[in-house]
Amino acid sequence: IVRLNGLANPNRIRIGQKLELPANASTGSSIATLAARYPNLPRSISD
């Protein structure tokens, strides 16, 4: 992530900043996919 986004200091990222992820990033961990896997999660988690 540091290399792909040219981050000089990985400890300094800002809210709203868009970070491109490597091609092998697991979209299986995306929010939409996770919610679809577990449709009965309590709202305090799914939301």
ModelCIF file with pLDDT and N, C-alpha, C, O atoms, coordinates in Angstrom:
data_MODEL
#
_entry.id   MODEL 
#
_entity.id                         1 
_entity.type                       polymer 
_entity.pdbx_number_of_molecules   1 
#
_entity_poly.entity_id                      1 
_entity_poly.type                           'polypeptide(L)' 
_entity_poly.nstd_linkage                   no 
_entity_poly.nstd_monomer                   no 
_entity_poly.pdbx_seq_one_letter_code       IVRLNGLANPNRIRIGQKLELPANASTGSSIATLAARYPNLPRSISD 
_entity_poly.pdbx_seq_one_letter_code_can   IVRLNGLANPNRIRIGQKLELPANASTGSSIATLAARYPNLPRSISD 
_entity_poly.pdbx_strand_id                 A 
#
loop_
_entity_poly_seq.entity_id 
_entity_poly_seq.num 
_entity_poly_seq.mon_id 
_entity_poly_seq.hetero 
1 1  ILE n 
1 2  VAL n 
1 3  ARG n 
1 4  LEU n 
1 5  ASN n 
1 6  GLY n 
1 7  LEU n 
1 8  ALA n 
1 9  ASN n 
1 10 PRO n 
1 11 ASN n 
1 12 ARG n 
1 13 ILE n 
1 14 ARG n 
1 15 ILE n 
1 16 GLY n 
1 17 GLN n 
1 18 LYS n 
1 19 LEU n 
1 20 GLU n 
1 21 LEU n 
1 22 PRO n 
1 23 ALA n 
1 24 ASN n 
1 25 ALA n 
1 26 SER n 
1 27 THR n 
1 28 GLY n 
1 29 SER n 
1 30 SER n 
1 31 ILE n 
1 32 ALA n 
1 33 THR n 
1 34 LEU n 
1 35 ALA n 
1 36 ALA n 
1 37 ARG n 
1 38 TYR n 
1 39 PRO n 
1 40 ASN n 
1 41 LEU n 
1 42 PRO n 
1 43 ARG n 
1 44 SER n 
1 45 ILE n 
1 46 SER n 
1 47 ASP n 
#
_struct_asym.id          A 
_struct_asym.entity_id   1 
#
loop_
_ma_qa_metric.id 
_ma_qa_metric.mode 
_ma_qa_metric.name 
_ma_qa_metric.software_group_id 
_ma_qa_metric.type 
1 global pLDDT . pLDDT 
2 local  pLDDT . pLDDT 
#
_ma_qa_metric_global.metric_id      1 
_ma_qa_metric_global.metric_value   81.23 
_ma_qa_metric_global.model_id       1 
_ma_qa_metric_global.ordinal_id     1 
#
loop_
_ma_qa_metric_local.label_asym_id 
_ma_qa_metric_local.label_comp_id 
_ma_qa_metric_local.label_seq_id 
_ma_qa_metric_local.metric_id 
_ma_qa_metric_local.metric_value 
_ma_qa_metric_local.model_id 
_ma_qa_metric_local.ordinal_id 
A ILE 1  2 89.00 1 1  
A VAL 2  2 91.00 1 2  
A ARG 3  2 88.00 1 3  
A LEU 4  2 87.00 1 4  
A ASN 5  2 92.00 1 5  
A GLY 6  2 92.00 1 6  
A LEU 7  2 93.00 1 7  
A ALA 8  2 91.00 1 8  
A ASN 9  2 91.00 1 9  
A PRO 10 2 88.00 1 10 
A ASN 11 2 88.00 1 11 
A ARG 12 2 91.00 1 12 
A ILE 13 2 93.00 1 13 
A ARG 14 2 91.00 1 14 
A ILE 15 2 84.00 1 15 
A GLY 16 2 80.00 1 16 
A GLN 17 2 88.00 1 17 
A LYS 18 2 86.00 1 18 
A LEU 19 2 89.00 1 19 
A GLU 20 2 85.00 1 20 
A LEU 21 2 83.00 1 21 
A PRO 22 2 77.00 1 22 
A ALA 23 2 66.00 1 23 
A ASN 24 2 61.00 1 24 
A ALA 25 2 67.00 1 25 
A SER 26 2 62.00 1 26 
A THR 27 2 54.00 1 27 
A GLY 28 2 49.00 1 28 
A SER 29 2 46.00 1 29 
A SER 30 2 60.00 1 30 
A ILE 31 2 64.00 1 31 
A ALA 32 2 64.00 1 32 
A THR 33 2 70.00 1 33 
A LEU 34 2 75.00 1 34 
A ALA 35 2 77.00 1 35 
A ALA 36 2 77.00 1 36 
A ARG 37 2 82.00 1 37 
A TYR 38 2 90.00 1 38 
A PRO 39 2 90.00 1 39 
A ASN 40 2 94.00 1 40 
A LEU 41 2 95.00 1 41 
A PRO 42 2 95.00 1 42 
A ARG 43 2 91.00 1 43 
A SER 44 2 92.00 1 44 
A ILE 45 2 92.00 1 45 
A SER 46 2 87.00 1 46 
A ASP 47 2 81.00 1 47 
#
loop_
_atom_site.group_PDB 
_atom_site.id 
_atom_site.type_symbol 
_atom_site.label_atom_id 
_atom_site.label_alt_id 
_atom_site.label_comp_id 
_atom_site.label_asym_id 
_atom_site.label_entity_id 
_atom_site.label_seq_id 
_atom_site.pdbx_PDB_ins_code 
_atom_site.Cartn_x 
_atom_site.Cartn_y 
_atom_site.Cartn_z 
_atom_site.occupancy 
_atom_site.B_iso_or_equiv 
_atom_site.pdbx_formal_charge 
_atom_site.auth_seq_id 
_atom_site.auth_comp_id 
_atom_site.auth_asym_id 
_atom_site.auth_atom_id 
_atom_site.pdbx_PDB_model_num 
ATOM 1   N N  . ILE A 1 1  ? 0.837   -1.200  0.000  1.00 89.00 ? 1  ILE A N  1 
ATOM 2   C CA . ILE A 1 1  ? 0.000   0.000   0.000  1.00 89.00 ? 1  ILE A CA 1 
ATOM 3   C C  . ILE A 1 1  ? 0.869   1.245   0.000  1.00 89.00 ? 1  ILE A C  1 
ATOM 4   O O  . ILE A 1 1  ? 0.583   2.207   -0.713 1.00 89.00 ? 1  ILE A O  1 
ATOM 5   N N  . VAL A 1 2  ? 1.926   1.231   0.795  1.00 91.00 ? 2  VAL A N  1 
ATOM 6   C CA . VAL A 1 2  ? 2.838   2.376   0.864  1.00 91.00 ? 2  VAL A CA 1 
ATOM 7   C C  . VAL A 1 2  ? 3.457   2.637   -0.506 1.00 91.00 ? 2  VAL A C  1 
ATOM 8   O O  . VAL A 1 2  ? 3.502   3.778   -0.966 1.00 91.00 ? 2  VAL A O  1 
ATOM 9   N N  . ARG A 1 3  ? 3.928   1.585   -1.147 1.00 88.00 ? 3  ARG A N  1 
ATOM 10  C CA . ARG A 1 3  ? 4.588   1.743   -2.448 1.00 88.00 ? 3  ARG A CA 1 
ATOM 11  C C  . ARG A 1 3  ? 3.616   2.222   -3.515 1.00 88.00 ? 3  ARG A C  1 
ATOM 12  O O  . ARG A 1 3  ? 3.929   3.130   -4.286 1.00 88.00 ? 3  ARG A O  1 
ATOM 13  N N  . LEU A 1 4  ? 2.429   1.606   -3.560 1.00 87.00 ? 4  LEU A N  1 
ATOM 14  C CA . LEU A 1 4  ? 1.463   1.911   -4.605 1.00 87.00 ? 4  LEU A CA 1 
ATOM 15  C C  . LEU A 1 4  ? 0.961   3.345   -4.530 1.00 87.00 ? 4  LEU A C  1 
ATOM 16  O O  . LEU A 1 4  ? 0.641   3.957   -5.550 1.00 87.00 ? 4  LEU A O  1 
ATOM 17  N N  . ASN A 1 5  ? 0.896   3.879   -3.304 1.00 92.00 ? 5  ASN A N  1 
ATOM 18  C CA . ASN A 1 5  ? 0.358   5.230   -3.123 1.00 92.00 ? 5  ASN A CA 1 
ATOM 19  C C  . ASN A 1 5  ? 1.437   6.269   -2.849 1.00 92.00 ? 5  ASN A C  1 
ATOM 20  O O  . ASN A 1 5  ? 1.127   7.433   -2.595 1.00 92.00 ? 5  ASN A O  1 
ATOM 21  N N  . GLY A 1 6  ? 2.711   5.852   -2.900 1.00 92.00 ? 6  GLY A N  1 
ATOM 22  C CA . GLY A 1 6  ? 3.801   6.798   -2.686 1.00 92.00 ? 6  GLY A CA 1 
ATOM 23  C C  . GLY A 1 6  ? 3.743   7.490   -1.341 1.00 92.00 ? 6  GLY A C  1 
ATOM 24  O O  . GLY A 1 6  ? 3.998   8.690   -1.244 1.00 92.00 ? 6  GLY A O  1 
ATOM 25  N N  . LEU A 1 7  ? 3.409   6.740   -0.302 1.00 93.00 ? 7  LEU A N  1 
ATOM 26  C CA . LEU A 1 7  ? 3.274   7.328   1.034  1.00 93.00 ? 7  LEU A CA 1 
ATOM 27  C C  . LEU A 1 7  ? 4.652   7.545   1.652  1.00 93.00 ? 7  LEU A C  1 
ATOM 28  O O  . LEU A 1 7  ? 5.390   6.588   1.888  1.00 93.00 ? 7  LEU A O  1 
ATOM 29  N N  . ALA A 1 8  ? 4.995   8.799   1.910  1.00 91.00 ? 8  ALA A N  1 
ATOM 30  C CA . ALA A 1 8  ? 6.293   9.101   2.524  1.00 91.00 ? 8  ALA A CA 1 
ATOM 31  C C  . ALA A 1 8  ? 6.307   8.652   3.974  1.00 91.00 ? 8  ALA A C  1 
ATOM 32  O O  . ALA A 1 8  ? 7.336   8.206   4.482  1.00 91.00 ? 8  ALA A O  1 
ATOM 33  N N  . ASN A 1 9  ? 5.151   8.771   4.648  1.00 91.00 ? 9  ASN A N  1 
ATOM 34  C CA . ASN A 1 9  ? 5.045   8.383   6.052  1.00 91.00 ? 9  ASN A CA 1 
ATOM 35  C C  . ASN A 1 9  ? 3.764   7.576   6.231  1.00 91.00 ? 9  ASN A C  1 
ATOM 36  O O  . ASN A 1 9  ? 2.682   8.161   6.268  1.00 91.00 ? 9  ASN A O  1 
ATOM 37  N N  . PRO A 1 10 ? 3.853   6.241   6.344  1.00 88.00 ? 10 PRO A N  1 
ATOM 38  C CA . PRO A 1 10 ? 2.645   5.420   6.454  1.00 88.00 ? 10 PRO A CA 1 
ATOM 39  C C  . PRO A 1 10 ? 1.844   5.681   7.719  1.00 88.00 ? 10 PRO A C  1 
ATOM 40  O O  . PRO A 1 10 ? 0.705   5.229   7.836  1.00 88.00 ? 10 PRO A O  1 
ATOM 41  N N  . ASN A 1 11 ? 2.428   6.406   8.668  1.00 88.00 ? 11 ASN A N  1 
ATOM 42  C CA . ASN A 1 11 ? 1.703   6.730   9.896  1.00 88.00 ? 11 ASN A CA 1 
ATOM 43  C C  . ASN A 1 11 ? 0.880   7.998   9.762  1.00 88.00 ? 11 ASN A C  1 
ATOM 44  O O  . ASN A 1 11 ? 0.192   8.404   10.699 1.00 88.00 ? 11 ASN A O  1 
ATOM 45  N N  . ARG A 1 12 ? 0.951   8.620   8.593  1.00 91.00 ? 12 ARG A N  1 
ATOM 46  C CA . ARG A 1 12 ? 0.209   9.859   8.382  1.00 91.00 ? 12 ARG A CA 1 
ATOM 47  C C  . ARG A 1 12 ? -0.667  9.737   7.149  1.00 91.00 ? 12 ARG A C  1 
ATOM 48  O O  . ARG A 1 12 ? -0.225  9.999   6.030  1.00 91.00 ? 12 ARG A O  1 
ATOM 49  N N  . ILE A 1 13 ? -1.902  9.339   7.362  1.00 93.00 ? 13 ILE A N  1 
ATOM 50  C CA . ILE A 1 13 ? -2.911  9.338   6.311  1.00 93.00 ? 13 ILE A CA 1 
ATOM 51  C C  . ILE A 1 13 ? -4.077  10.170  6.822  1.00 93.00 ? 13 ILE A C  1 
ATOM 52  O O  . ILE A 1 13 ? -4.274  10.291  8.031  1.00 93.00 ? 13 ILE A O  1 
ATOM 53  N N  . ARG A 1 14 ? -4.840  10.736  5.920  1.00 91.00 ? 14 ARG A N  1 
ATOM 54  C CA . ARG A 1 14 ? -5.884  11.679  6.332  1.00 91.00 ? 14 ARG A CA 1 
ATOM 55  C C  . ARG A 1 14 ? -7.277  11.141  5.994  1.00 91.00 ? 14 ARG A C  1 
ATOM 56  O O  . ARG A 1 14 ? -7.448  10.396  5.029  1.00 91.00 ? 14 ARG A O  1 
ATOM 57  N N  . ILE A 1 15 ? -8.247  11.521  6.784  1.00 84.00 ? 15 ILE A N  1 
ATOM 58  C CA . ILE A 1 15 ? -9.629  11.133  6.537  1.00 84.00 ? 15 ILE A CA 1 
ATOM 59  C C  . ILE A 1 15 ? -10.050 11.649  5.164  1.00 84.00 ? 15 ILE A C  1 
ATOM 60  O O  . ILE A 1 15 ? -9.806  12.806  4.821  1.00 84.00 ? 15 ILE A O  1 
ATOM 61  N N  . GLY A 1 16 ? -10.677 10.787  4.396  1.00 80.00 ? 16 GLY A N  1 
ATOM 62  C CA . GLY A 1 16 ? -11.118 11.143  3.054  1.00 80.00 ? 16 GLY A CA 1 
ATOM 63  C C  . GLY A 1 16 ? -10.111 10.793  1.976  1.00 80.00 ? 16 GLY A C  1 
ATOM 64  O O  . GLY A 1 16 ? -10.448 10.790  0.792  1.00 80.00 ? 16 GLY A O  1 
ATOM 65  N N  . GLN A 1 17 ? -8.883  10.499  2.367  1.00 88.00 ? 17 GLN A N  1 
ATOM 66  C CA . GLN A 1 17 ? -7.852  10.133  1.389  1.00 88.00 ? 17 GLN A CA 1 
ATOM 67  C C  . GLN A 1 17 ? -8.214  8.791   0.735  1.00 88.00 ? 17 GLN A C  1 
ATOM 68  O O  . GLN A 1 17 ? -8.673  7.868   1.408  1.00 88.00 ? 17 GLN A O  1 
ATOM 69  N N  . LYS A 1 18 ? -8.001  8.696   -0.582 1.00 86.00 ? 18 LYS A N  1 
ATOM 70  C CA . LYS A 1 18 ? -8.299  7.463   -1.303 1.00 86.00 ? 18 LYS A CA 1 
ATOM 71  C C  . LYS A 1 18 ? -6.992  6.718   -1.554 1.00 86.00 ? 18 LYS A C  1 
ATOM 72  O O  . LYS A 1 18 ? -6.064  7.256   -2.156 1.00 86.00 ? 18 LYS A O  1 
ATOM 73  N N  . LEU A 1 19 ? -6.934  5.494   -1.092 1.00 89.00 ? 19 LEU A N  1 
ATOM 74  C CA . LEU A 1 19 ? -5.749  4.668   -1.239 1.00 89.00 ? 19 LEU A CA 1 
ATOM 75  C C  . LEU A 1 19 ? -6.029  3.542   -2.217 1.00 89.00 ? 19 LEU A C  1 
ATOM 76  O O  . LEU A 1 19 ? -6.926  2.728   -2.003 1.00 89.00 ? 19 LEU A O  1 
ATOM 77  N N  . GLU A 1 20 ? -5.251  3.502   -3.296 1.00 85.00 ? 20 GLU A N  1 
ATOM 78  C CA . GLU A 1 20 ? -5.377  2.403   -4.241 1.00 85.00 ? 20 GLU A CA 1 
ATOM 79  C C  . GLU A 1 20 ? -4.727  1.170   -3.626 1.00 85.00 ? 20 GLU A C  1 
ATOM 80  O O  . GLU A 1 20 ? -3.682  1.258   -2.981 1.00 85.00 ? 20 GLU A O  1 
ATOM 81  N N  . LEU A 1 21 ? -5.360  0.025   -3.835 1.00 83.00 ? 21 LEU A N  1 
ATOM 82  C CA . LEU A 1 21 ? -4.877  -1.225  -3.261 1.00 83.00 ? 21 LEU A CA 1 
ATOM 83  C C  . LEU A 1 21 ? -4.295  -2.118  -4.343 1.00 83.00 ? 21 LEU A C  1 
ATOM 84  O O  . LEU A 1 21 ? -4.655  -1.981  -5.512 1.00 83.00 ? 21 LEU A O  1 
ATOM 85  N N  . PRO A 1 22 ? -3.403  -3.030  -3.977 1.00 77.00 ? 22 PRO A N  1 
ATOM 86  C CA . PRO A 1 22 ? -2.796  -3.926  -4.956 1.00 77.00 ? 22 PRO A CA 1 
ATOM 87  C C  . PRO A 1 22 ? -3.834  -4.785  -5.666 1.00 77.00 ? 22 PRO A C  1 
ATOM 88  O O  . PRO A 1 22 ? -4.945  -4.977  -5.171 1.00 77.00 ? 22 PRO A O  1 
ATOM 89  N N  . ALA A 1 23 ? -3.455  -5.297  -6.833 1.00 66.00 ? 23 ALA A N  1 
ATOM 90  C CA . ALA A 1 23 ? -4.379  -6.095  -7.635 1.00 66.00 ? 23 ALA A CA 1 
ATOM 91  C C  . ALA A 1 23 ? -4.836  -7.352  -6.908 1.00 66.00 ? 23 ALA A C  1 
ATOM 92  O O  . ALA A 1 23 ? -5.900  -7.893  -7.208 1.00 66.00 ? 23 ALA A O  1 
ATOM 93  N N  . ASN A 1 24 ? -4.025  -7.823  -5.944 1.00 61.00 ? 24 ASN A N  1 
ATOM 94  C CA . ASN A 1 24 ? -4.392  -9.045  -5.218 1.00 61.00 ? 24 ASN A CA 1 
ATOM 95  C C  . ASN A 1 24 ? -5.208  -8.769  -3.970 1.00 61.00 ? 24 ASN A C  1 
ATOM 96  O O  . ASN A 1 24 ? -5.407  -9.664  -3.149 1.00 61.00 ? 24 ASN A O  1 
ATOM 97  N N  . ALA A 1 25 ? -5.688  -7.530  -3.815 1.00 67.00 ? 25 ALA A N  1 
ATOM 98  C CA . ALA A 1 25 ? -6.510  -7.195  -2.641 1.00 67.00 ? 25 ALA A CA 1 
ATOM 99  C C  . ALA A 1 25 ? -7.761  -8.051  -2.635 1.00 67.00 ? 25 ALA A C  1 
ATOM 100 O O  . ALA A 1 25 ? -8.389  -8.253  -3.675 1.00 67.00 ? 25 ALA A O  1 
ATOM 101 N N  . SER A 1 26 ? -8.119  -8.550  -1.479 1.00 62.00 ? 26 SER A N  1 
ATOM 102 C CA . SER A 1 26 ? -9.235  -9.479  -1.354 1.00 62.00 ? 26 SER A CA 1 
ATOM 103 C C  . SER A 1 26 ? -10.542 -8.722  -1.263 1.00 62.00 ? 26 SER A C  1 
ATOM 104 O O  . SER A 1 26 ? -10.899 -8.237  -0.190 1.00 62.00 ? 26 SER A O  1 
ATOM 105 N N  . THR A 1 27 ? -11.268 -8.609  -2.375 1.00 54.00 ? 27 THR A N  1 
ATOM 106 C CA . THR A 1 27 ? -12.577 -7.978  -2.328 1.00 54.00 ? 27 THR A CA 1 
ATOM 107 C C  . THR A 1 27 ? -13.582 -8.884  -1.648 1.00 54.00 ? 27 THR A C  1 
ATOM 108 O O  . THR A 1 27 ? -14.706 -8.465  -1.370 1.00 54.00 ? 27 THR A O  1 
ATOM 109 N N  . GLY A 1 28 ? -13.187 -10.148 -1.371 1.00 49.00 ? 28 GLY A N  1 
ATOM 110 C CA . GLY A 1 28 ? -14.061 -11.007 -0.579 1.00 49.00 ? 28 GLY A CA 1 
ATOM 111 C C  . GLY A 1 28 ? -14.238 -10.466 0.822  1.00 49.00 ? 28 GLY A C  1 
ATOM 112 O O  . GLY A 1 28 ? -15.138 -10.899 1.542  1.00 49.00 ? 28 GLY A O  1 
ATOM 113 N N  . SER A 1 29 ? -13.383 -9.513  1.231  1.00 46.00 ? 29 SER A N  1 
ATOM 114 C CA . SER A 1 29 ? -13.502 -8.902  2.540  1.00 46.00 ? 29 SER A CA 1 
ATOM 115 C C  . SER A 1 29 ? -14.236 -7.571  2.491  1.00 46.00 ? 29 SER A C  1 
ATOM 116 O O  . SER A 1 29 ? -14.306 -6.867  3.498  1.00 46.00 ? 29 SER A O  1 
ATOM 117 N N  . SER A 1 30 ? -14.789 -7.214  1.320  1.00 60.00 ? 30 SER A N  1 
ATOM 118 C CA . SER A 1 30 ? -15.498 -5.947  1.222  1.00 60.00 ? 30 SER A CA 1 
ATOM 119 C C  . SER A 1 30 ? -16.752 -5.989  2.071  1.00 60.00 ? 30 SER A C  1 
ATOM 120 O O  . SER A 1 30 ? -17.288 -7.058  2.363  1.00 60.00 ? 30 SER A O  1 
ATOM 121 N N  . ILE A 1 31 ? -17.207 -4.823  2.458  1.00 64.00 ? 31 ILE A N  1 
ATOM 122 C CA . ILE A 1 31 ? -18.378 -4.738  3.330  1.00 64.00 ? 31 ILE A CA 1 
ATOM 123 C C  . ILE A 1 31 ? -19.590 -5.405  2.705  1.00 64.00 ? 31 ILE A C  1 
ATOM 124 O O  . ILE A 1 31 ? -20.309 -6.138  3.384  1.00 64.00 ? 31 ILE A O  1 
ATOM 125 N N  . ALA A 1 32 ? -19.829 -5.161  1.417  1.00 64.00 ? 32 ALA A N  1 
ATOM 126 C CA . ALA A 1 32 ? -20.999 -5.741  0.760  1.00 64.00 ? 32 ALA A CA 1 
ATOM 127 C C  . ALA A 1 32 ? -20.955 -7.262  0.788  1.00 64.00 ? 32 ALA A C  1 
ATOM 128 O O  . ALA A 1 32 ? -21.969 -7.915  1.035  1.00 64.00 ? 32 ALA A O  1 
ATOM 129 N N  . THR A 1 33 ? -19.788 -7.816  0.537  1.00 70.00 ? 33 THR A N  1 
ATOM 130 C CA . THR A 1 33 ? -19.655 -9.267  0.506  1.00 70.00 ? 33 THR A CA 1 
ATOM 131 C C  . THR A 1 33 ? -19.821 -9.866  1.891  1.00 70.00 ? 33 THR A C  1 
ATOM 132 O O  . THR A 1 33 ? -20.478 -10.893 2.056  1.00 70.00 ? 33 THR A O  1 
ATOM 133 N N  . LEU A 1 34 ? -19.223 -9.223  2.884  1.00 75.00 ? 34 LEU A N  1 
ATOM 134 C CA . LEU A 1 34 ? -19.331 -9.725  4.253  1.00 75.00 ? 34 LEU A CA 1 
ATOM 135 C C  . LEU A 1 34 ? -20.781 -9.726  4.711  1.00 75.00 ? 34 LEU A C  1 
ATOM 136 O O  . LEU A 1 34 ? -21.238 -10.687 5.330  1.00 75.00 ? 34 LEU A O  1 
ATOM 137 N N  . ALA A 1 35 ? -21.503 -8.657  4.411  1.00 77.00 ? 35 ALA A N  1 
ATOM 138 C CA . ALA A 1 35 ? -22.907 -8.579  4.809  1.00 77.00 ? 35 ALA A CA 1 
ATOM 139 C C  . ALA A 1 35 ? -23.726 -9.662  4.105  1.00 77.00 ? 35 ALA A C  1 
ATOM 140 O O  . ALA A 1 35 ? -24.637 -10.244 4.694  1.00 77.00 ? 35 ALA A O  1 
ATOM 141 N N  . ALA A 1 36 ? -23.394 -9.923  2.842  1.00 77.00 ? 36 ALA A N  1 
ATOM 142 C CA . ALA A 1 36 ? -24.130 -10.948 2.100  1.00 77.00 ? 36 ALA A CA 1 
ATOM 143 C C  . ALA A 1 36 ? -23.864 -12.342 2.652  1.00 77.00 ? 36 ALA A C  1 
ATOM 144 O O  . ALA A 1 36 ? -24.743 -13.203 2.619  1.00 77.00 ? 36 ALA A O  1 
ATOM 145 N N  . ARG A 1 37 ? -22.656 -12.565 3.158  1.00 82.00 ? 37 ARG A N  1 
ATOM 146 C CA . ARG A 1 37 ? -22.326 -13.879 3.714  1.00 82.00 ? 37 ARG A CA 1 
ATOM 147 C C  . ARG A 1 37 ? -23.114 -14.163 4.986  1.00 82.00 ? 37 ARG A C  1 
ATOM 148 O O  . ARG A 1 37 ? -23.478 -15.307 5.258  1.00 82.00 ? 37 ARG A O  1 
ATOM 149 N N  . TYR A 1 38 ? -23.374 -13.117 5.762  1.00 90.00 ? 38 TYR A N  1 
ATOM 150 C CA . TYR A 1 38 ? -23.983 -13.279 7.083  1.00 90.00 ? 38 TYR A CA 1 
ATOM 151 C C  . TYR A 1 38 ? -25.242 -12.405 7.188  1.00 90.00 ? 38 TYR A C  1 
ATOM 152 O O  . TYR A 1 38 ? -25.211 -11.341 7.805  1.00 90.00 ? 38 TYR A O  1 
ATOM 153 N N  . PRO A 1 39 ? -26.336 -12.855 6.588  1.00 90.00 ? 39 PRO A N  1 
ATOM 154 C CA . PRO A 1 39 ? -27.546 -12.015 6.531  1.00 90.00 ? 39 PRO A CA 1 
ATOM 155 C C  . PRO A 1 39 ? -28.266 -11.842 7.855  1.00 90.00 ? 39 PRO A C  1 
ATOM 156 O O  . PRO A 1 39 ? -29.146 -10.987 7.962  1.00 90.00 ? 39 PRO A O  1 
ATOM 157 N N  . ASN A 1 40 ? -27.918 -12.631 8.874  1.00 94.00 ? 40 ASN A N  1 
ATOM 158 C CA . ASN A 1 40 ? -28.639 -12.561 10.150 1.00 94.00 ? 40 ASN A CA 1 
ATOM 159 C C  . ASN A 1 40 ? -27.856 -11.841 11.252 1.00 94.00 ? 40 ASN A C  1 
ATOM 160 O O  . ASN A 1 40 ? -28.217 -11.919 12.426 1.00 94.00 ? 40 ASN A O  1 
ATOM 161 N N  . LEU A 1 41 ? -26.797 -11.150 10.875 1.00 95.00 ? 41 LEU A N  1 
ATOM 162 C CA . LEU A 1 41 ? -25.998 -10.450 11.876 1.00 95.00 ? 41 LEU A CA 1 
ATOM 163 C C  . LEU A 1 41 ? -26.842 -9.414  12.621 1.00 95.00 ? 41 LEU A C  1 
ATOM 164 O O  . LEU A 1 41 ? -27.737 -8.811  12.029 1.00 95.00 ? 41 LEU A O  1 
ATOM 165 N N  . PRO A 1 42 ? -26.569 -9.201  13.907 1.00 95.00 ? 42 PRO A N  1 
ATOM 166 C CA . PRO A 1 42 ? -27.247 -8.123  14.637 1.00 95.00 ? 42 PRO A CA 1 
ATOM 167 C C  . PRO A 1 42 ? -26.997 -6.779  13.951 1.00 95.00 ? 42 PRO A C  1 
ATOM 168 O O  . PRO A 1 42 ? -25.926 -6.566  13.382 1.00 95.00 ? 42 PRO A O  1 
ATOM 169 N N  . ARG A 1 43 ? -27.953 -5.891  13.999 1.00 91.00 ? 43 ARG A N  1 
ATOM 170 C CA . ARG A 1 43 ? -27.822 -4.589  13.336 1.00 91.00 ? 43 ARG A CA 1 
ATOM 171 C C  . ARG A 1 43 ? -26.646 -3.798  13.884 1.00 91.00 ? 43 ARG A C  1 
ATOM 172 O O  . ARG A 1 43 ? -26.036 -3.012  13.159 1.00 91.00 ? 43 ARG A O  1 
ATOM 173 N N  . SER A 1 44 ? -26.320 -3.995  15.156 1.00 92.00 ? 44 SER A N  1 
ATOM 174 C CA . SER A 1 44 ? -25.196 -3.262  15.739 1.00 92.00 ? 44 SER A CA 1 
ATOM 175 C C  . SER A 1 44 ? -23.881 -3.624  15.063 1.00 92.00 ? 44 SER A C  1 
ATOM 176 O O  . SER A 1 44 ? -22.898 -2.891  15.174 1.00 92.00 ? 44 SER A O  1 
ATOM 177 N N  . ILE A 1 45 ? -23.863 -4.751  14.365 1.00 92.00 ? 45 ILE A N  1 
ATOM 178 C CA . ILE A 1 45 ? -22.672 -5.158  13.610 1.00 92.00 ? 45 ILE A CA 1 
ATOM 179 C C  . ILE A 1 45 ? -22.838 -4.871  12.129 1.00 92.00 ? 45 ILE A C  1 
ATOM 180 O O  . ILE A 1 45 ? -21.956 -4.276  11.509 1.00 92.00 ? 45 ILE A O  1 
ATOM 181 N N  . SER A 1 46 ? -23.964 -5.289  11.554 1.00 87.00 ? 46 SER A N  1 
ATOM 182 C CA . SER A 1 46 ? -24.147 -5.123  10.111 1.00 87.00 ? 46 SER A CA 1 
ATOM 183 C C  . SER A 1 46 ? -24.183 -3.660  9.698  1.00 87.00 ? 46 SER A C  1 
ATOM 184 O O  . SER A 1 46 ? -23.837 -3.330  8.564  1.00 87.00 ? 46 SER A O  1 
ATOM 185 N N  . ASP A 1 47 ? -24.597 -2.774  10.608 1.00 81.00 ? 47 ASP A N  1 
ATOM 186 C CA . ASP A 1 47 ? -24.655 -1.344  10.292 1.00 81.00 ? 47 ASP A CA 1 
ATOM 187 C C  . ASP A 1 47 ? -23.387 -0.600  10.684 1.00 81.00 ? 47 ASP A C  1 
ATOM 188 O O  . ASP A 1 47 ? -23.292 0.610   10.478 1.00 81.00 ? 47 ASP A O  1 
#
